[in-house]
Amino acid sequence: MNNRLFYILLPVVLLYACASGRITVSKSDLHTIDFETSVEGKRTGLYILRNANGMEAAVTNYGARIVSLLTPDREGHFADVVCGFDSLADYRNYRQNYGATVGRYIGRILNARFKIDSVTYHLSTGSNGHCSHGGFPGFADRIWRVLSVRRNILQLEYVSPDGENGFPGTLTLQLRISLDNKNSLCLDYRATTDKPTVLNLSNHSFFNLTGDLSRAITDETLWIDADSIAEYAPDKCVTGSFLPVKDTPFDFLSERRIGERIDEDNAQLKVTDGYDHTWKLRKPGNPVTPAAIIHDRQSGRRMEIFTTEPGIHIYTANGLKGRPAGKKGIGYPRRSAVCFETMHFADSPNKPHLPSTLLRPGEEFRSQTVFRFGVE
């Protein structure tokens, strides 16, 4: 092939690869080959989504995980703002919910049991005797089927069999991940079941808007549209009651630094050694106005969280310890990220006064969460 013909065809080849999701190296230096393998006879891969503004999201169908997310700062420089690993092998070797879709029930179901229509269901338990995040292996550990992939949209499906980790009903779950030209990463969930079951899903991405994933997020500022939090007992089990945030370290109705009061002498903070709580939103089910806003003043990056869910669980990565090494060899230190897990409340199946998570045959579960990025 002569040089002139090569340079004519090259843009066409690149355009085709981009449109079909067959980009081999992401802007964040992830290599798709490092995610291409077979797990339990099912193929895994890495899928690159891009919008017209240069934003990029890399997603793997292992756990429907967001692996990287490139957003611009006020100078137009792009950086990855989510924690994760460089390869599928690391996701498999080190159990961590970086970027994962968590289910069938995020949060704890106490004593690993609940009732539907007078029938008691017993779930898989962790070391604490409760069922956490749907048990192991959960949705974060499963291979999701790729239904379609386009330049900025990925559609995935996971069919959870009846009895998986003790949960009743064959659940068919579809997740649409899209990156629109408003710089929004949109997560749209739809699910049906053939038996009555419970369902509480969330994305578990660890965000750091500085673009330096080794830095603390305690100087980033936060606003939350919530005036109460779900109360913990000393053993980190929810009581079913809510505590007002007014005059406490949990009051973010006025924007302030995450680290401003995170280490205060407060009973709820002592339970979790920092923020790891569910805020009850003042406008539950409202996807039009933000549920929370986080802002990094140094880079100018700003992220708004919109959701149809009634709560948002915010975790300031108090348990990260700098190992194992994540992307680019970075060991994510304590409080180097913050999670925004939009969700219903923990142990709702055992607390009828809380918003229901019950899903019956003939009904369709629908939920949406949007992470919208901008700069100031």
Protein backbone atom coordinates (compact mmCIF):
# COMPACT_ATOMS: atom_id res chain seq x y z
CA MET A 1 0.00 0.00 0.00
CA ASN A 2 1.46 3.38 -0.96
CA ASN A 3 1.79 6.10 1.71
CA ARG A 4 -0.91 8.32 0.17
CA LEU A 5 -3.52 5.54 0.25
CA PHE A 6 -2.50 4.63 3.82
CA TYR A 7 -3.17 8.15 5.11
CA ILE A 8 -6.51 8.26 3.30
CA LEU A 9 -7.67 4.97 4.83
CA LEU A 10 -6.29 5.50 8.37
CA PRO A 11 -9.01 7.96 9.52
CA VAL A 12 -11.67 5.61 8.16
CA VAL A 13 -10.22 2.67 10.11
CA LEU A 14 -10.01 4.71 13.31
CA LEU A 15 -13.56 5.98 12.89
CA TYR A 16 -14.84 2.43 12.40
CA ALA A 17 -12.95 1.19 15.45
CA CYS A 18 -14.33 4.01 17.59
CA ALA A 19 -17.91 3.53 16.39
CA SER A 20 -17.81 -0.20 17.06
CA GLY A 21 -16.22 0.12 20.51
CA ARG A 22 -13.01 -1.52 19.26
CA ILE A 23 -10.56 1.09 20.51
CA THR A 24 -7.49 -0.80 21.75
CA VAL A 25 -5.94 1.88 23.99
CA SER A 26 -7.97 4.37 26.01
CA LYS A 27 -6.97 7.99 26.60
CA SER A 28 -6.23 6.92 30.18
CA ASP A 29 -3.69 4.37 28.84
CA LEU A 30 -5.80 1.31 29.53
CA HIS A 31 -5.23 -1.54 27.07
CA THR A 32 -8.31 -3.50 26.05
CA ILE A 33 -6.23 -6.67 25.71
CA ASP A 34 -5.63 -6.60 29.48
CA PHE A 35 -9.37 -7.10 29.99
CA GLU A 36 -9.96 -9.72 27.31
CA THR A 37 -10.19 -13.18 28.81
CA SER A 38 -12.67 -15.91 29.65
CA VAL A 39 -14.17 -16.31 33.13
CA GLU A 40 -16.29 -19.40 33.74
CA GLY A 41 -16.68 -19.77 29.97
CA LYS A 42 -17.84 -16.17 29.44
CA ARG A 43 -15.87 -13.51 27.59
CA THR A 44 -14.82 -10.27 29.23
CA GLY A 45 -13.69 -7.04 27.62
CA LEU A 46 -13.18 -3.31 28.01
CA TYR A 47 -15.50 -0.91 26.18
CA ILE A 48 -14.56 2.72 25.50
CA LEU A 49 -17.30 5.37 25.38
CA ARG A 50 -16.66 8.93 24.18
CA ASN A 51 -18.77 12.05 23.77
CA ALA A 52 -18.34 15.01 21.42
CA ASN A 53 -16.49 17.02 24.08
CA GLY A 54 -13.60 14.60 24.54
CA MET A 55 -14.84 12.90 27.70
CA GLU A 56 -14.15 9.18 27.89
CA ALA A 57 -15.46 6.33 30.03
CA ALA A 58 -13.95 2.85 30.03
CA VAL A 59 -16.27 0.07 31.22
CA THR A 60 -15.73 -3.65 31.65
CA ASN A 61 -18.53 -6.21 31.58
CA TYR A 62 -16.92 -7.87 34.60
CA GLY A 63 -19.24 -6.53 37.29
CA ALA A 64 -20.47 -3.78 34.93
CA ARG A 65 -17.62 -1.65 36.29
CA ILE A 66 -16.54 1.87 35.38
CA VAL A 67 -12.78 1.46 35.08
CA SER A 68 -11.80 5.01 34.12
CA LEU A 69 -13.52 8.33 33.54
CA LEU A 70 -11.71 11.23 31.89
CA THR A 71 -13.04 14.74 32.54
CA PRO A 72 -11.53 18.19 31.86
CA ASP A 73 -10.39 20.76 34.41
CA ARG A 74 -10.89 24.51 33.98
CA GLU A 75 -7.87 24.67 31.67
CA GLY A 76 -9.26 21.93 29.45
CA HIS A 77 -6.78 19.29 30.66
CA PHE A 78 -8.29 15.82 30.96
CA ALA A 79 -7.61 13.45 33.88
CA ASP A 80 -9.02 10.20 35.20
CA VAL A 81 -11.27 10.81 38.22
CA VAL A 82 -12.14 7.25 39.36
CA CYS A 83 -10.08 4.60 41.12
CA GLY A 84 -9.62 1.14 39.68
CA PHE A 85 -7.17 -1.38 38.25
CA ASP A 86 -5.26 -1.70 34.97
CA SER A 87 -6.32 -5.28 34.23
CA LEU A 88 -9.10 -7.76 34.75
CA ALA A 89 -6.67 -10.00 36.60
CA ASP A 90 -6.29 -7.37 39.33
CA TYR A 91 -10.05 -6.93 39.64
CA ARG A 92 -10.29 -10.70 40.09
CA ASN A 93 -7.38 -10.97 42.51
CA TYR A 94 -8.24 -8.08 44.81
CA ARG A 95 -11.81 -7.90 46.08
CA GLN A 96 -12.83 -4.27 45.92
CA ASN A 97 -15.98 -2.69 44.52
CA TYR A 98 -14.13 -0.09 42.42
CA GLY A 99 -16.65 1.12 39.84
CA ALA A 100 -18.90 -1.91 40.24
CA THR A 101 -22.63 -2.40 39.93
CA VAL A 102 -23.56 -3.83 43.32
CA GLY A 103 -26.57 -6.12 43.88
CA ARG A 104 -28.85 -7.89 44.31
CA TYR A 105 -29.04 -5.73 47.45
CA ILE A 106 -26.48 -3.05 48.26
CA GLY A 107 -26.02 -2.48 51.97
CA ARG A 108 -26.81 -4.92 54.75
CA ILE A 109 -29.80 -7.14 55.24
CA LEU A 110 -29.59 -7.89 58.94
CA ASN A 111 -29.29 -11.49 60.08
CA ALA A 112 -29.28 -12.46 56.37
CA ARG A 113 -33.00 -13.09 56.19
CA PHE A 114 -36.29 -11.44 55.29
CA LYS A 115 -39.90 -12.36 54.56
CA ILE A 116 -42.14 -11.95 51.53
CA ASP A 117 -45.77 -13.06 51.82
CA SER A 118 -45.01 -14.96 55.07
CA VAL A 119 -42.18 -16.93 53.43
CA THR A 120 -38.75 -16.51 55.07
CA TYR A 121 -35.71 -16.39 52.80
CA HIS A 122 -32.24 -17.11 54.16
CA LEU A 123 -29.34 -15.39 52.42
CA SER A 124 -25.61 -15.97 52.21
CA THR A 125 -23.76 -14.36 55.09
CA GLY A 126 -20.47 -12.62 55.64
CA SER A 127 -18.29 -12.87 58.74
CA ASN A 128 -20.67 -10.57 60.60
CA GLY A 129 -23.68 -12.84 60.18
CA HIS A 130 -25.46 -10.39 57.87
CA CYS A 131 -25.85 -10.31 54.09
CA SER A 132 -23.80 -7.42 52.72
CA HIS A 133 -24.00 -6.11 49.16
CA GLY A 134 -25.99 -9.15 48.03
CA GLY A 135 -23.49 -11.73 49.28
CA PHE A 136 -20.54 -13.27 47.47
CA PRO A 137 -20.31 -13.64 44.58
CA GLY A 138 -22.56 -10.67 43.90
CA PHE A 139 -23.35 -8.74 40.75
CA ALA A 140 -19.92 -7.07 40.99
CA ASP A 141 -18.32 -10.49 40.49
CA ARG A 142 -20.42 -11.64 37.54
CA ILE A 143 -19.86 -11.47 33.80
CA TRP A 144 -22.56 -9.32 32.21
CA ARG A 145 -23.69 -9.99 28.65
CA VAL A 146 -22.99 -7.18 26.19
CA LEU A 147 -26.23 -6.43 24.35
CA SER A 148 -24.88 -3.56 22.24
CA VAL A 149 -22.10 -1.02 22.13
CA ARG A 150 -21.93 2.26 20.24
CA ARG A 151 -19.67 5.29 20.37
CA ASN A 152 -21.23 6.61 23.59
CA ILE A 153 -23.66 3.89 24.78
CA LEU A 154 -23.09 0.44 26.26
CA GLN A 155 -25.99 -1.88 27.12
CA LEU A 156 -25.39 -4.80 29.46
CA GLU A 157 -27.53 -7.57 30.89
CA TYR A 158 -27.22 -9.95 33.82
CA VAL A 159 -29.72 -12.71 34.60
CA SER A 160 -29.56 -13.58 38.28
CA PRO A 161 -30.94 -17.10 38.79
CA ASP A 162 -33.62 -17.98 41.30
CA GLY A 163 -31.94 -18.69 44.64
CA GLU A 164 -28.68 -16.89 43.89
CA ASN A 165 -27.19 -16.19 47.33
CA GLY A 166 -30.65 -17.03 48.71
CA PHE A 167 -32.63 -14.35 46.86
CA PRO A 168 -35.88 -15.56 45.29
CA GLY A 169 -36.83 -15.18 41.65
CA THR A 170 -34.99 -15.18 38.35
CA LEU A 171 -34.11 -11.51 37.93
CA THR A 172 -33.40 -10.13 34.46
CA LEU A 173 -31.47 -6.88 34.81
CA GLN A 174 -30.41 -4.49 32.07
CA LEU A 175 -28.06 -1.56 32.52
CA ARG A 176 -27.61 1.20 29.95
CA ILE A 177 -24.45 3.26 30.43
CA SER A 178 -24.24 6.38 28.29
CA LEU A 179 -21.98 9.40 28.02
CA ASP A 180 -23.93 12.35 26.63
CA ASN A 181 -22.82 15.70 25.25
CA LYS A 182 -23.83 17.49 28.46
CA ASN A 183 -20.86 15.68 30.02
CA SER A 184 -23.16 13.36 31.94
CA LEU A 185 -22.45 9.72 32.69
CA CYS A 186 -25.95 8.22 32.83
CA LEU A 187 -26.79 4.88 34.44
CA ASP A 188 -30.25 3.52 33.62
CA TYR A 189 -31.40 0.29 35.27
CA ARG A 190 -34.40 -1.87 34.31
CA ALA A 191 -35.33 -5.23 35.84
CA THR A 192 -38.08 -7.83 35.96
CA THR A 193 -38.57 -10.98 38.03
CA ASP A 194 -40.57 -14.20 37.83
CA LYS A 195 -41.07 -14.41 41.62
CA PRO A 196 -41.50 -11.74 44.31
CA THR A 197 -38.05 -10.52 45.34
CA VAL A 198 -36.20 -7.49 46.70
CA LEU A 199 -33.83 -5.32 44.71
CA ASN A 200 -31.50 -2.46 45.67
CA LEU A 201 -28.84 -1.55 43.10
CA SER A 202 -26.09 1.04 42.99
CA ASN A 203 -22.85 1.97 41.29
CA HIS A 204 -19.83 1.95 43.61
CA SER A 205 -17.36 4.24 41.83
CA PHE A 206 -14.64 5.91 43.92
CA PHE A 207 -14.30 9.52 42.72
CA ASN A 208 -11.42 11.96 43.11
CA LEU A 209 -12.05 15.18 41.19
CA THR A 210 -8.51 16.47 41.64
CA GLY A 211 -7.40 14.11 38.87
CA ASP A 212 -4.56 12.96 41.13
CA LEU A 213 -5.79 9.66 42.54
CA SER A 214 -3.09 9.67 45.22
CA ARG A 215 -4.37 12.90 46.82
CA ALA A 216 -6.88 13.20 49.65
CA ILE A 217 -10.40 14.40 48.84
CA THR A 218 -10.84 16.15 52.19
CA ASP A 219 -10.34 19.61 50.62
CA GLU A 220 -13.06 19.05 48.04
CA THR A 221 -16.31 20.78 48.95
CA LEU A 222 -19.65 19.00 49.22
CA TRP A 223 -23.33 19.91 49.24
CA ILE A 224 -26.07 17.34 49.97
CA ASP A 225 -29.80 17.97 49.67
CA ALA A 226 -30.64 16.03 52.81
CA ASP A 227 -31.57 16.93 56.37
CA SER A 228 -31.23 13.49 58.01
CA ILE A 229 -29.10 10.34 57.93
CA ALA A 230 -29.87 6.69 58.64
CA GLU A 231 -28.75 5.90 62.18
CA TYR A 232 -26.19 3.22 62.97
CA ALA A 233 -25.99 1.17 66.14
CA PRO A 234 -22.43 0.77 67.49
CA ASP A 235 -22.05 -2.46 65.45
CA LYS A 236 -22.78 -0.56 62.19
CA CYS A 237 -26.23 -2.09 61.85
CA VAL A 238 -28.95 0.37 60.88
CA THR A 239 -31.62 0.94 63.52
CA GLY A 240 -34.34 2.04 61.09
CA SER A 241 -34.39 5.52 62.60
CA PHE A 242 -33.10 8.76 61.10
CA LEU A 243 -31.05 11.46 62.80
CA PRO A 244 -31.26 15.17 61.92
CA VAL A 245 -28.06 16.59 60.47
CA LYS A 246 -28.54 20.11 61.84
CA ASP A 247 -25.64 21.23 64.06
CA THR A 248 -23.72 17.99 63.35
CA PRO A 249 -20.77 17.05 61.10
CA PHE A 250 -23.34 15.56 58.68
CA ASP A 251 -24.87 18.92 57.75
CA PHE A 252 -23.91 19.68 54.15
CA LEU A 253 -26.95 21.78 53.30
CA SER A 254 -24.42 24.59 53.00
CA GLU A 255 -21.40 23.72 50.85
CA ARG A 256 -18.28 23.04 52.89
CA ARG A 257 -15.08 21.02 52.88
CA ILE A 258 -15.43 17.27 53.30
CA GLY A 259 -12.63 17.24 55.84
CA GLU A 260 -13.86 20.18 57.88
CA ARG A 261 -15.59 18.08 60.57
CA ILE A 262 -14.84 14.50 59.53
CA ASP A 263 -12.74 13.72 62.62
CA GLU A 264 -14.96 15.36 65.24
CA ASP A 265 -15.96 13.57 68.44
CA ASN A 266 -19.31 12.29 67.15
CA ALA A 267 -20.92 8.94 67.94
CA GLN A 268 -21.93 8.22 64.34
CA LEU A 269 -18.49 9.12 62.96
CA LYS A 270 -16.85 6.84 65.53
CA VAL A 271 -18.83 3.86 64.21
CA THR A 272 -17.32 4.21 60.73
CA ASP A 273 -14.13 6.28 61.30
CA GLY A 274 -15.40 8.94 58.90
CA TYR A 275 -18.33 9.34 56.54
CA ASP A 276 -19.91 6.04 55.53
CA HIS A 277 -23.60 6.87 55.90
CA THR A 278 -26.86 7.11 53.96
CA TRP A 279 -28.41 10.56 53.67
CA LYS A 280 -32.20 10.67 53.26
CA LEU A 281 -32.88 13.01 50.36
CA ARG A 282 -35.35 15.85 50.76
CA LYS A 283 -36.66 15.30 47.22
CA PRO A 284 -36.74 11.51 46.83
CA GLY A 285 -37.33 10.24 43.31
CA ASN A 286 -36.59 13.62 41.75
CA PRO A 287 -34.06 13.27 38.90
CA VAL A 288 -34.35 16.94 37.85
CA THR A 289 -32.53 18.70 40.70
CA PRO A 290 -29.17 17.57 42.13
CA ALA A 291 -29.10 15.29 45.15
CA ALA A 292 -25.49 16.27 45.83
CA ILE A 293 -22.71 18.40 44.37
CA ILE A 294 -18.97 17.97 44.85
CA HIS A 295 -16.42 20.57 43.74
CA ASP A 296 -12.62 20.64 43.60
CA ARG A 297 -11.64 24.30 43.72
CA GLN A 298 -8.06 23.73 42.58
CA SER A 299 -8.89 21.99 39.29
CA GLY A 300 -12.32 23.60 38.93
CA ARG A 301 -13.98 20.21 38.39
CA ARG A 302 -17.55 19.94 39.60
CA MET A 303 -19.83 16.92 39.68
CA GLU A 304 -23.59 16.93 40.23
CA ILE A 305 -25.38 13.72 41.21
CA PHE A 306 -29.00 13.23 40.08
CA THR A 307 -31.05 10.19 41.04
CA THR A 308 -34.50 8.66 41.25
CA GLU A 309 -33.50 6.91 44.47
CA PRO A 310 -34.58 8.09 47.97
CA GLY A 311 -31.11 7.98 49.52
CA ILE A 312 -27.45 8.54 48.78
CA HIS A 313 -24.75 6.67 50.67
CA ILE A 314 -21.52 8.65 50.87
CA TYR A 315 -18.29 6.87 51.74
CA THR A 316 -15.02 8.74 52.12
CA ALA A 317 -12.77 5.70 51.56
CA ASN A 318 -11.76 5.49 55.19
CA GLY A 319 -10.69 1.88 54.66
CA LEU A 320 -8.26 2.39 51.78
CA LYS A 321 -4.69 1.67 52.91
CA GLY A 322 -2.44 2.43 49.94
CA ARG A 323 -2.33 -1.18 48.74
CA PRO A 324 -2.64 -3.01 46.46
CA ALA A 325 -1.51 -0.76 43.65
CA GLY A 326 -4.22 0.49 41.31
CA LYS A 327 -3.99 2.09 37.88
CA LYS A 328 -0.53 3.37 36.94
CA GLY A 329 0.87 1.79 40.10
CA ILE A 330 -0.90 4.21 42.44
CA GLY A 331 -1.60 2.86 45.90
CA TYR A 332 -4.81 4.62 46.85
CA PRO A 333 -4.35 6.00 50.38
CA ARG A 334 -6.97 6.56 53.05
CA ARG A 335 -9.61 9.12 52.07
CA SER A 336 -8.27 9.50 48.55
CA ALA A 337 -11.75 9.06 47.06
CA VAL A 338 -15.43 9.46 47.80
CA CYS A 339 -18.34 7.23 46.72
CA PHE A 340 -21.87 8.39 45.94
CA GLU A 341 -24.02 5.25 46.13
CA THR A 342 -27.57 6.23 45.18
CA MET A 343 -29.88 3.66 46.71
CA HIS A 344 -32.77 2.63 48.93
CA PHE A 345 -32.00 2.05 52.59
CA ALA A 346 -30.20 -0.85 54.21
CA ASP A 347 -32.40 -3.58 55.71
CA SER A 348 -35.56 -2.15 54.13
CA PRO A 349 -37.05 -5.67 53.65
CA ASN A 350 -37.14 -6.00 57.46
CA LYS A 351 -38.33 -2.44 58.15
CA PRO A 352 -41.76 -1.87 56.57
CA HIS A 353 -41.78 1.85 57.39
CA LEU A 354 -38.90 2.42 54.94
CA PRO A 355 -39.45 2.83 51.16
CA SER A 356 -40.12 -0.62 49.74
CA THR A 357 -37.59 -2.55 47.66
CA LEU A 358 -40.12 -5.26 46.76
CA LEU A 359 -40.41 -6.25 43.11
CA ARG A 360 -43.19 -8.58 41.93
CA PRO A 361 -43.80 -10.43 38.66
CA GLY A 362 -45.47 -8.18 36.11
CA GLU A 363 -43.77 -5.08 37.53
CA GLU A 364 -40.70 -3.36 36.09
CA PHE A 365 -37.98 -1.93 38.29
CA ARG A 366 -36.56 1.29 36.90
CA SER A 367 -33.89 3.51 38.38
CA GLN A 368 -31.60 6.24 37.08
CA THR A 369 -28.46 7.91 38.37
CA VAL A 370 -26.59 10.65 36.53
CA PHE A 371 -23.10 12.01 37.26
CA ARG A 372 -22.85 15.37 35.46
CA PHE A 373 -19.49 17.09 35.14
CA GLY A 374 -18.64 20.75 34.69
CA VAL A 375 -16.01 23.29 35.69
CA GLU A 376 -15.99 26.47 37.76
